[in-house]
Amino acid sequence: MGRLLDIARVAATYAGTVIGAGFASGQELLQFFVSYGAVGIIAMLFSGFLFALLGARILELGYRLRATNYHQVLYYICGPRLGLILDSVSALFLFGGLC
């Protein structure tokens, strides 16, 4: 039961932070991509594929690193200097969204 809860926590965190409400419902995807016709539909499918592929790779990396927080994965991928910059920018955007 504990493992299932851990999986649910990771999935909910991914859905909430990366996908967001607009992408999860598909509303933003349809509004943007459908305006481009058939090419837009293909691009929408491709972007969904990339979201799934890259998300799975990041989660796999976190598992391999036995990461307990996102900092460990971010700093592993980007290095300490760029990782700190991206972490700071993310924090600014999160707090800026509250204003």
PDB file of N, CA and C in Angstrom:
ATOM      1  N   MET A   1       0.820  -1.200   0.000  1.00  0.00           N
ATOM      2  CA  MET A   1       0.000   0.000   0.000  1.00  0.00           C
ATOM      3  C   MET A   1       0.862   1.261   0.000  1.00  0.00           C
ATOM      4  N   GLY A   2       1.986   1.229   0.720  1.00  0.00           N
ATOM      5  CA  GLY A   2       2.872   2.392   0.776  1.00  0.00           C
ATOM      6  C   GLY A   2       3.485   2.716  -0.572  1.00  0.00           C
ATOM      7  N   ARG A   3       3.833   1.692  -1.337  1.00  0.00           N
ATOM      8  CA  ARG A   3       4.415   1.902  -2.672  1.00  0.00           C
ATOM      9  C   ARG A   3       3.385   2.518  -3.615  1.00  0.00           C
ATOM     10  N   LEU A   4       2.152   2.063  -3.528  1.00  0.00           N
ATOM     11  CA  LEU A   4       1.086   2.615  -4.364  1.00  0.00           C
ATOM     12  C   LEU A   4       0.848   4.084  -4.033  1.00  0.00           C
ATOM     13  N   LEU A   5       0.925   4.424  -2.776  1.00  0.00           N
ATOM     14  CA  LEU A   5       0.768   5.821  -2.360  1.00  0.00           C
ATOM     15  C   LEU A   5       1.928   6.673  -2.875  1.00  0.00           C
ATOM     16  N   ASP A   6       3.139   6.138  -2.839  1.00  0.00           N
ATOM     17  CA  ASP A   6       4.296   6.860  -3.389  1.00  0.00           C
ATOM     18  C   ASP A   6       4.129   7.116  -4.884  1.00  0.00           C
ATOM     19  N   ILE A   7       3.648   6.113  -5.607  1.00  0.00           N
ATOM     20  CA  ILE A   7       3.421   6.269  -7.046  1.00  0.00           C
ATOM     21  C   ILE A   7       2.361   7.331  -7.303  1.00  0.00           C
ATOM     22  N   ALA A   8       1.292   7.311  -6.523  1.00  0.00           N
ATOM     23  CA  ALA A   8       0.224   8.304  -6.678  1.00  0.00           C
ATOM     24  C   ALA A   8       0.735   9.710  -6.388  1.00  0.00           C
ATOM     25  N   ARG A   9       1.596   9.851  -5.409  1.00  0.00           N
ATOM     26  CA  ARG A   9       2.160  11.169  -5.083  1.00  0.00           C
ATOM     27  C   ARG A   9       3.009  11.709  -6.231  1.00  0.00           C
ATOM     28  N   VAL A  10       3.849  10.852  -6.793  1.00  0.00           N
ATOM     29  CA  VAL A  10       4.695  11.275  -7.914  1.00  0.00           C
ATOM     30  C   VAL A  10       3.829  11.644  -9.114  1.00  0.00           C
ATOM     31  N   ALA A  11       2.833  10.828  -9.406  1.00  0.00           N
ATOM     32  CA  ALA A  11       1.952  11.100 -10.552  1.00  0.00           C
ATOM     33  C   ALA A  11       1.186  12.402 -10.360  1.00  0.00           C
ATOM     34  N   ALA A  12       0.675  12.642  -9.162  1.00  0.00           N
ATOM     35  CA  ALA A  12      -0.069  13.876  -8.896  1.00  0.00           C
ATOM     36  C   ALA A  12       0.838  15.093  -8.966  1.00  0.00           C
ATOM     37  N   THR A  13       2.049  14.969  -8.463  1.00  0.00           N
ATOM     38  CA  THR A  13       2.998  16.080  -8.535  1.00  0.00           C
ATOM     39  C   THR A  13       3.349  16.390  -9.979  1.00  0.00           C
ATOM     40  N   TYR A  14       3.584  15.361 -10.773  1.00  0.00           N
ATOM     41  CA  TYR A  14       3.899  15.562 -12.192  1.00  0.00           C
ATOM     42  C   TYR A  14       2.727  16.222 -12.909  1.00  0.00           C
ATOM     43  N   ALA A  15       1.548  15.711 -12.688  1.00  0.00           N
ATOM     44  CA  ALA A  15       0.368  16.268 -13.361  1.00  0.00           C
ATOM     45  C   ALA A  15       0.133  17.715 -12.953  1.00  0.00           C
ATOM     46  N   GLY A  16       0.319  18.027 -11.687  1.00  0.00           N
ATOM     47  CA  GLY A  16       0.068  19.385 -11.215  1.00  0.00           C
ATOM     48  C   GLY A  16       1.107  20.395 -11.637  1.00  0.00           C
ATOM     49  N   THR A  17       2.359  19.985 -11.671  1.00  0.00           N
ATOM     50  CA  THR A  17       3.418  20.958 -11.960  1.00  0.00           C
ATOM     51  C   THR A  17       3.796  21.036 -13.425  1.00  0.00           C
ATOM     52  N   VAL A  18       3.891  19.912 -14.083  1.00  0.00           N
ATOM     53  CA  VAL A  18       4.352  19.910 -15.472  1.00  0.00           C
ATOM     54  C   VAL A  18       3.187  20.043 -16.440  1.00  0.00           C
ATOM     55  N   ILE A  19       2.188  19.233 -16.267  1.00  0.00           N
ATOM     56  CA  ILE A  19       1.073  19.236 -17.199  1.00  0.00           C
ATOM     57  C   ILE A  19       0.147  20.414 -16.925  1.00  0.00           C
ATOM     58  N   GLY A  20      -0.235  20.617 -15.680  1.00  0.00           N
ATOM     59  CA  GLY A  20      -1.128  21.713 -15.329  1.00  0.00           C
ATOM     60  C   GLY A  20      -2.572  21.405 -15.692  1.00  0.00           C
ATOM     61  N   ALA A  21      -3.464  22.242 -15.223  1.00  0.00           N
ATOM     62  CA  ALA A  21      -4.892  22.008 -15.428  1.00  0.00           C
ATOM     63  C   ALA A  21      -5.287  22.130 -16.896  1.00  0.00           C
ATOM     64  N   GLY A  22      -4.734  23.088 -17.604  1.00  0.00           N
ATOM     65  CA  GLY A  22      -5.089  23.291 -19.011  1.00  0.00           C
ATOM     66  C   GLY A  22      -4.659  22.146 -19.895  1.00  0.00           C
ATOM     67  N   PHE A  23      -3.457  21.637 -19.673  1.00  0.00           N
ATOM     68  CA  PHE A  23      -2.986  20.515 -20.476  1.00  0.00           C
ATOM     69  C   PHE A  23      -3.700  19.232 -20.078  1.00  0.00           C
ATOM     70  N   ALA A  24      -3.977  19.051 -18.792  1.00  0.00           N
ATOM     71  CA  ALA A  24      -4.629  17.827 -18.341  1.00  0.00           C
ATOM     72  C   ALA A  24      -6.027  17.696 -18.933  1.00  0.00           C
ATOM     73  N   SER A  25      -6.744  18.806 -19.048  1.00  0.00           N
ATOM     74  CA  SER A  25      -8.090  18.755 -19.624  1.00  0.00           C
ATOM     75  C   SER A  25      -8.053  18.737 -21.146  1.00  0.00           C
ATOM     76  N   GLY A  26      -6.956  19.173 -21.726  1.00  0.00           N
ATOM     77  CA  GLY A  26      -6.849  19.231 -23.173  1.00  0.00           C
ATOM     78  C   GLY A  26      -7.353  20.532 -23.771  1.00  0.00           C
ATOM     79  N   GLN A  27      -7.910  21.400 -22.943  1.00  0.00           N
ATOM     80  CA  GLN A  27      -8.502  22.644 -23.431  1.00  0.00           C
ATOM     81  C   GLN A  27      -7.480  23.557 -24.110  1.00  0.00           C
ATOM     82  N   GLU A  28      -6.348  23.789 -23.461  1.00  0.00           N
ATOM     83  CA  GLU A  28      -5.319  24.656 -24.049  1.00  0.00           C
ATOM     84  C   GLU A  28      -4.756  24.050 -25.328  1.00  0.00           C
ATOM     85  N   LEU A  29      -4.563  22.754 -25.315  1.00  0.00           N
ATOM     86  CA  LEU A  29      -4.037  22.087 -26.507  1.00  0.00           C
ATOM     87  C   LEU A  29      -4.967  22.281 -27.699  1.00  0.00           C
ATOM     88  N   LEU A  30      -6.241  22.044 -27.484  1.00  0.00           N
ATOM     89  CA  LEU A  30      -7.193  22.191 -28.581  1.00  0.00           C
ATOM     90  C   LEU A  30      -7.274  23.627 -29.071  1.00  0.00           C
ATOM     91  N   GLN A  31      -7.356  24.573 -28.148  1.00  0.00           N
ATOM     92  CA  GLN A  31      -7.487  25.974 -28.547  1.00  0.00           C
ATOM     93  C   GLN A  31      -6.292  26.435 -29.368  1.00  0.00           C
ATOM     94  N   PHE A  32      -5.113  26.005 -29.014  1.00  0.00           N
ATOM     95  CA  PHE A  32      -3.924  26.446 -29.737  1.00  0.00           C
ATOM     96  C   PHE A  32      -3.732  25.685 -31.047  1.00  0.00           C
ATOM     97  N   PHE A  33      -3.690  24.376 -30.969  1.00  0.00           N
ATOM     98  CA  PHE A  33      -3.283  23.576 -32.120  1.00  0.00           C
ATOM     99  C   PHE A  33      -4.349  23.451 -33.206  1.00  0.00           C
ATOM    100  N   VAL A  34      -5.621  23.397 -32.834  1.00  0.00           N
ATOM    101  CA  VAL A  34      -6.669  23.186 -33.828  1.00  0.00           C
ATOM    102  C   VAL A  34      -6.765  24.356 -34.800  1.00  0.00           C
ATOM    103  N   SER A  35      -6.363  25.525 -34.371  1.00  0.00           N
ATOM    104  CA  SER A  35      -6.427  26.681 -35.271  1.00  0.00           C
ATOM    105  C   SER A  35      -5.493  26.523 -36.473  1.00  0.00           C
ATOM    106  N   TYR A  36      -4.561  25.578 -36.418  1.00  0.00           N
ATOM    107  CA  TYR A  36      -3.642  25.326 -37.532  1.00  0.00           C
ATOM    108  C   TYR A  36      -4.099  24.174 -38.425  1.00  0.00           C
ATOM    109  N   GLY A  37      -5.278  23.663 -38.204  1.00  0.00           N
ATOM    110  CA  GLY A  37      -5.832  22.614 -39.062  1.00  0.00           C
ATOM    111  C   GLY A  37      -5.185  21.258 -38.837  1.00  0.00           C
ATOM    112  N   ALA A  38      -5.048  20.505 -39.928  1.00  0.00           N
ATOM    113  CA  ALA A  38      -4.521  19.137 -39.850  1.00  0.00           C
ATOM    114  C   ALA A  38      -3.086  19.109 -39.339  1.00  0.00           C
ATOM    115  N   VAL A  39      -2.288  20.082 -39.744  1.00  0.00           N
ATOM    116  CA  VAL A  39      -0.904  20.150 -39.258  1.00  0.00           C
ATOM    117  C   VAL A  39      -0.898  20.373 -37.744  1.00  0.00           C
ATOM    118  N   GLY A  40      -1.843  21.163 -37.257  1.00  0.00           N
ATOM    119  CA  GLY A  40      -1.952  21.411 -35.823  1.00  0.00           C
ATOM    120  C   GLY A  40      -2.296  20.158 -35.043  1.00  0.00           C
ATOM    121  N   ILE A  41      -3.159  19.318 -35.605  1.00  0.00           N
ATOM    122  CA  ILE A  41      -3.514  18.057 -34.946  1.00  0.00           C
ATOM    123  C   ILE A  41      -2.281  17.156 -34.848  1.00  0.00           C
ATOM    124  N   ILE A  42      -1.517  17.084 -35.918  1.00  0.00           N
ATOM    125  CA  ILE A  42      -0.280  16.284 -35.901  1.00  0.00           C
ATOM    126  C   ILE A  42       0.695  16.847 -34.873  1.00  0.00           C
ATOM    127  N   ALA A  43       0.826  18.175 -34.833  1.00  0.00           N
ATOM    128  CA  ALA A  43       1.722  18.808 -33.858  1.00  0.00           C
ATOM    129  C   ALA A  43       1.244  18.556 -32.434  1.00  0.00           C
ATOM    130  N   MET A  44      -0.076  18.542 -32.223  1.00  0.00           N
ATOM    131  CA  MET A  44      -0.623  18.273 -30.893  1.00  0.00           C
ATOM    132  C   MET A  44      -0.279  16.851 -30.458  1.00  0.00           C
ATOM    133  N   LEU A  45      -0.425  15.891 -31.354  1.00  0.00           N
ATOM    134  CA  LEU A  45      -0.074  14.509 -31.034  1.00  0.00           C
ATOM    135  C   LEU A  45       1.421  14.373 -30.751  1.00  0.00           C
ATOM    136  N   PHE A  46       2.237  15.069 -31.529  1.00  0.00           N
ATOM    137  CA  PHE A  46       3.683  15.027 -31.329  1.00  0.00           C
ATOM    138  C   PHE A  46       4.072  15.643 -29.984  1.00  0.00           C
ATOM    139  N   SER A  47       3.447  16.770 -29.628  1.00  0.00           N
ATOM    140  CA  SER A  47       3.775  17.395 -28.338  1.00  0.00           C
ATOM    141  C   SER A  47       3.334  16.513 -27.180  1.00  0.00           C
ATOM    142  N   GLY A  48       2.194  15.836 -27.322  1.00  0.00           N
ATOM    143  CA  GLY A  48       1.763  14.890 -26.289  1.00  0.00           C
ATOM    144  C   GLY A  48       2.736  13.739 -26.140  1.00  0.00           C
ATOM    145  N   PHE A  49       3.240  13.251 -27.271  1.00  0.00           N
ATOM    146  CA  PHE A  49       4.243  12.190 -27.260  1.00  0.00           C
ATOM    147  C   PHE A  49       5.512  12.656 -26.545  1.00  0.00           C
ATOM    148  N   LEU A  50       5.962  13.883 -26.861  1.00  0.00           N
ATOM    149  CA  LEU A  50       7.168  14.416 -26.211  1.00  0.00           C
ATOM    150  C   LEU A  50       6.968  14.598 -24.711  1.00  0.00           C
ATOM    151  N   PHE A  51       5.785  15.098 -24.297  1.00  0.00           N
ATOM    152  CA  PHE A  51       5.495  15.230 -22.869  1.00  0.00           C
ATOM    153  C   PHE A  51       5.627  13.882 -22.174  1.00  0.00           C
ATOM    154  N   ALA A  52       5.039  12.847 -22.772  1.00  0.00           N
ATOM    155  CA  ALA A  52       5.084  11.519 -22.164  1.00  0.00           C
ATOM    156  C   ALA A  52       6.503  10.964 -22.137  1.00  0.00           C
ATOM    157  N   LEU A  53       7.207  11.082 -23.252  1.00  0.00           N
ATOM    158  CA  LEU A  53       8.561  10.539 -23.351  1.00  0.00           C
ATOM    159  C   LEU A  53       9.525  11.240 -22.398  1.00  0.00           C
ATOM    160  N   LEU A  54       9.554  12.559 -22.450  1.00  0.00           N
ATOM    161  CA  LEU A  54      10.492  13.299 -21.598  1.00  0.00           C
ATOM    162  C   LEU A  54      10.122  13.183 -20.121  1.00  0.00           C
ATOM    163  N   GLY A  55       8.829  13.179 -19.830  1.00  0.00           N
ATOM    164  CA  GLY A  55       8.406  12.991 -18.442  1.00  0.00           C
ATOM    165  C   GLY A  55       8.846  11.647 -17.897  1.00  0.00           C
ATOM    166  N   ALA A  56       8.693  10.602 -18.709  1.00  0.00           N
ATOM    167  CA  ALA A  56       9.117   9.266 -18.285  1.00  0.00           C
ATOM    168  C   ALA A  56      10.626   9.209 -18.079  1.00  0.00           C
ATOM    169  N   ARG A  57      11.379   9.861 -18.957  1.00  0.00           N
ATOM    170  CA  ARG A  57      12.846   9.862 -18.831  1.00  0.00           C
ATOM    171  C   ARG A  57      13.290  10.586 -17.554  1.00  0.00           C
ATOM    172  N   ILE A  58      12.658  11.714 -17.256  1.00  0.00           N
ATOM    173  CA  ILE A  58      13.010  12.459 -16.042  1.00  0.00           C
ATOM    174  C   ILE A  58      12.660  11.642 -14.800  1.00  0.00           C
ATOM    175  N   LEU A  59      11.487  11.016 -14.804  1.00  0.00           N
ATOM    176  CA  LEU A  59      11.107  10.178 -13.665  1.00  0.00           C
ATOM    177  C   LEU A  59      12.050   8.989 -13.515  1.00  0.00           C
ATOM    178  N   GLU A  60      12.447   8.398 -14.636  1.00  0.00           N
ATOM    179  CA  GLU A  60      13.402   7.286 -14.604  1.00  0.00           C
ATOM    180  C   GLU A  60      14.747   7.737 -14.037  1.00  0.00           C
ATOM    181  N   LEU A  61      15.190   8.914 -14.439  1.00  0.00           N
ATOM    182  CA  LEU A  61      16.450   9.447 -13.921  1.00  0.00           C
ATOM    183  C   LEU A  61      16.360   9.676 -12.415  1.00  0.00           C
ATOM    184  N   GLY A  62      15.248  10.242 -11.971  1.00  0.00           N
ATOM    185  CA  GLY A  62      15.052  10.439 -10.534  1.00  0.00           C
ATOM    186  C   GLY A  62      15.078   9.129  -9.771  1.00  0.00           C
ATOM    187  N   TYR A  63      14.502   8.096 -10.365  1.00  0.00           N
ATOM    188  CA  TYR A  63      14.513   6.780  -9.737  1.00  0.00           C
ATOM    189  C   TYR A  63      15.933   6.222  -9.670  1.00  0.00           C
ATOM    190  N   ARG A  64      16.669   6.341 -10.785  1.00  0.00           N
ATOM    191  CA  ARG A  64      18.051   5.833 -10.811  1.00  0.00           C
ATOM    192  C   ARG A  64      18.941   6.563  -9.815  1.00  0.00           C
ATOM    193  N   LEU A  65      18.728   7.872  -9.670  1.00  0.00           N
ATOM    194  CA  LEU A  65      19.521   8.658  -8.723  1.00  0.00           C
ATOM    195  C   LEU A  65      19.052   8.474  -7.285  1.00  0.00           C
ATOM    196  N   ARG A  66      17.902   7.818  -7.129  1.00  0.00           N
ATOM    197  CA  ARG A  66      17.256   7.698  -5.816  1.00  0.00           C
ATOM    198  C   ARG A  66      17.034   9.084  -5.217  1.00  0.00           C
ATOM    199  N   ALA A  67      16.594   9.984  -6.083  1.00  0.00           N
ATOM    200  CA  ALA A  67      16.392  11.378  -5.681  1.00  0.00           C
ATOM    201  C   ALA A  67      15.204  11.481  -4.728  1.00  0.00           C
ATOM    202  N   THR A  68      15.369  12.294  -3.717  1.00  0.00           N
ATOM    203  CA  THR A  68      14.285  12.544  -2.771  1.00  0.00           C
ATOM    204  C   THR A  68      13.640  13.902  -2.999  1.00  0.00           C
ATOM    205  N   ASN A  69      14.220  14.708  -3.894  1.00  0.00           N
ATOM    206  CA  ASN A  69      13.617  15.989  -4.256  1.00  0.00           C
ATOM    207  C   ASN A  69      14.064  16.368  -5.666  1.00  0.00           C
ATOM    208  N   TYR A  70      13.419  17.370  -6.221  1.00  0.00           N
ATOM    209  CA  TYR A  70      13.711  17.736  -7.608  1.00  0.00           C
ATOM    210  C   TYR A  70      15.077  18.392  -7.761  1.00  0.00           C
ATOM    211  N   HIS A  71      15.616  18.965  -6.693  1.00  0.00           N
ATOM    212  CA  HIS A  71      16.932  19.603  -6.770  1.00  0.00           C
ATOM    213  C   HIS A  71      18.006  18.618  -7.242  1.00  0.00           C
ATOM    214  N   GLN A  72      17.940  17.423  -6.730  1.00  0.00           N
ATOM    215  CA  GLN A  72      18.949  16.427  -7.078  1.00  0.00           C
ATOM    216  C   GLN A  72      18.942  16.116  -8.568  1.00  0.00           C
ATOM    217  N   VAL A  73      17.761  16.013  -9.157  1.00  0.00           N
ATOM    218  CA  VAL A  73      17.660  15.736 -10.593  1.00  0.00           C
ATOM    219  C   VAL A  73      18.061  16.967 -11.396  1.00  0.00           C
ATOM    220  N   LEU A  74      17.575  18.128 -10.993  1.00  0.00           N
ATOM    221  CA  LEU A  74      17.876  19.367 -11.708  1.00  0.00           C
ATOM    222  C   LEU A  74      19.374  19.646 -11.727  1.00  0.00           C
ATOM    223  N   TYR A  75      20.018  19.521 -10.596  1.00  0.00           N
ATOM    224  CA  TYR A  75      21.450  19.805 -10.516  1.00  0.00           C
ATOM    225  C   TYR A  75      22.269  18.735 -11.238  1.00  0.00           C
ATOM    226  N   TYR A  76      21.768  17.502 -11.280  1.00  0.00           N
ATOM    227  CA  TYR A  76      22.457  16.445 -12.019  1.00  0.00           C
ATOM    228  C   TYR A  76      22.422  16.738 -13.520  1.00  0.00           C
ATOM    229  N   ILE A  77      21.269  17.165 -14.016  1.00  0.00           N
ATOM    230  CA  ILE A  77      21.111  17.437 -15.446  1.00  0.00           C
ATOM    231  C   ILE A  77      21.831  18.713 -15.853  1.00  0.00           C
ATOM    232  N   CYS A  78      21.679  19.774 -15.057  1.00  0.00           N
ATOM    233  CA  CYS A  78      22.153  21.108 -15.465  1.00  0.00           C
ATOM    234  C   CYS A  78      23.481  21.512 -14.850  1.00  0.00           C
ATOM    235  N   GLY A  79      23.924  20.808 -13.839  1.00  0.00           N
ATOM    236  CA  GLY A  79      25.121  21.239 -13.126  1.00  0.00           C
ATOM    237  C   GLY A  79      24.749  22.237 -12.042  1.00  0.00           C
ATOM    238  N   PRO A  80      25.684  22.517 -11.127  1.00  0.00           N
ATOM    239  CA  PRO A  80      25.350  23.363  -9.979  1.00  0.00           C
ATOM    240  C   PRO A  80      25.024  24.811 -10.346  1.00  0.00           C
ATOM    241  N   ARG A  81      25.733  25.377 -11.276  1.00  0.00           N
ATOM    242  CA  ARG A  81      25.531  26.795 -11.598  1.00  0.00           C
ATOM    243  C   ARG A  81      24.201  27.031 -12.323  1.00  0.00           C
ATOM    244  N   LEU A  82      23.987  26.328 -13.434  1.00  0.00           N
ATOM    245  CA  LEU A  82      22.743  26.486 -14.187  1.00  0.00           C
ATOM    246  C   LEU A  82      21.553  25.955 -13.390  1.00  0.00           C
ATOM    247  N   GLY A  83      21.776  24.904 -12.613  1.00  0.00           N
ATOM    248  CA  GLY A  83      20.716  24.369 -11.760  1.00  0.00           C
ATOM    249  C   GLY A  83      20.219  25.399 -10.768  1.00  0.00           C
ATOM    250  N   LEU A  84      21.147  26.132 -10.164  1.00  0.00           N
ATOM    251  CA  LEU A  84      20.768  27.184  -9.217  1.00  0.00           C
ATOM    252  C   LEU A  84      19.992  28.294  -9.917  1.00  0.00           C
ATOM    253  N   ILE A  85      20.423  28.663 -11.117  1.00  0.00           N
ATOM    254  CA  ILE A  85      19.730  29.718 -11.871  1.00  0.00           C
ATOM    255  C   ILE A  85      18.307  29.272 -12.213  1.00  0.00           C
ATOM    256  N   LEU A  86      18.161  28.065 -12.750  1.00  0.00           N
ATOM    257  CA  LEU A  86      16.834  27.571 -13.118  1.00  0.00           C
ATOM    258  C   LEU A  86      15.937  27.391 -11.901  1.00  0.00           C
ATOM    259  N   ASP A  87      16.507  26.943 -10.801  1.00  0.00           N
ATOM    260  CA  ASP A  87      15.744  26.797  -9.567  1.00  0.00           C
ATOM    261  C   ASP A  87      15.251  28.157  -9.078  1.00  0.00           C
ATOM    262  N   SER A  88      16.101  29.167  -9.157  1.00  0.00           N
ATOM    263  CA  SER A  88      15.722  30.519  -8.729  1.00  0.00           C
ATOM    264  C   SER A  88      14.647  31.109  -9.637  1.00  0.00           C
ATOM    265  N   VAL A  89      14.800  30.927 -10.942  1.00  0.00           N
ATOM    266  CA  VAL A  89      13.800  31.436 -11.888  1.00  0.00           C
ATOM    267  C   VAL A  89      12.456  30.748 -11.654  1.00  0.00           C
ATOM    268  N   SER A  90      12.474  29.450 -11.409  1.00  0.00           N
ATOM    269  CA  SER A  90      11.234  28.722 -11.124  1.00  0.00           C
ATOM    270  C   SER A  90      10.553  29.269  -9.877  1.00  0.00           C
ATOM    271  N   ALA A  91      11.334  29.523  -8.845  1.00  0.00           N
ATOM    272  CA  ALA A  91      10.770  30.079  -7.614  1.00  0.00           C
ATOM    273  C   ALA A  91      10.170  31.459  -7.859  1.00  0.00           C
ATOM    274  N   LEU A  92      10.847  32.283  -8.652  1.00  0.00           N
ATOM    275  CA  LEU A  92      10.312  33.610  -8.966  1.00  0.00           C
ATOM    276  C   LEU A  92       8.987  33.513  -9.715  1.00  0.00           C
ATOM    277  N   PHE A  93       8.898  32.603 -10.673  1.00  0.00           N
ATOM    278  CA  PHE A  93       7.644  32.428 -11.405  1.00  0.00           C
ATOM    279  C   PHE A  93       6.533  31.927 -10.489  1.00  0.00           C
ATOM    280  N   LEU A  94       6.864  31.010  -9.579  1.00  0.00           N
ATOM    281  CA  LEU A  94       5.845  30.504  -8.663  1.00  0.00           C
ATOM    282  C   LEU A  94       5.320  31.607  -7.753  1.00  0.00           C
ATOM    283  N   PHE A  95       6.224  32.379  -7.183  1.00  0.00           N
ATOM    284  CA  PHE A  95       5.788  33.469  -6.311  1.00  0.00           C
ATOM    285  C   PHE A  95       5.146  34.595  -7.111  1.00  0.00           C
ATOM    286  N   GLY A  96       5.630  34.826  -8.330  1.00  0.00           N
ATOM    287  CA  GLY A  96       5.034  35.853  -9.184  1.00  0.00           C
ATOM    288  C   GLY A  96       3.598  35.526  -9.558  1.00  0.00           C
ATOM    289  N   GLY A  97       3.290  34.256  -9.655  1.00  0.00           N
ATOM    290  CA  GLY A  97       1.923  33.846  -9.955  1.00  0.00           C
ATOM    291  C   GLY A  97       0.955  34.135  -8.836  1.00  0.00           C
ATOM    292  N   LEU A  98       1.468  34.327  -7.642  1.00  0.00           N
ATOM    293  CA  LEU A  98       0.607  34.647  -6.505  1.00  0.00           C
ATOM    294  C   LEU A  98       0.259  36.125  -6.429  1.00  0.00           C
ATOM    295  N   CYS A  99       1.014  36.943  -7.132  1.00  0.00           N
ATOM    296  CA  CYS A  99       0.790  38.396  -7.075  1.00  0.00           C
ATOM    297  C   CYS A  99      -0.385  38.835  -7.914  1.00  0.00           C
TER     298      CYS A  99
END
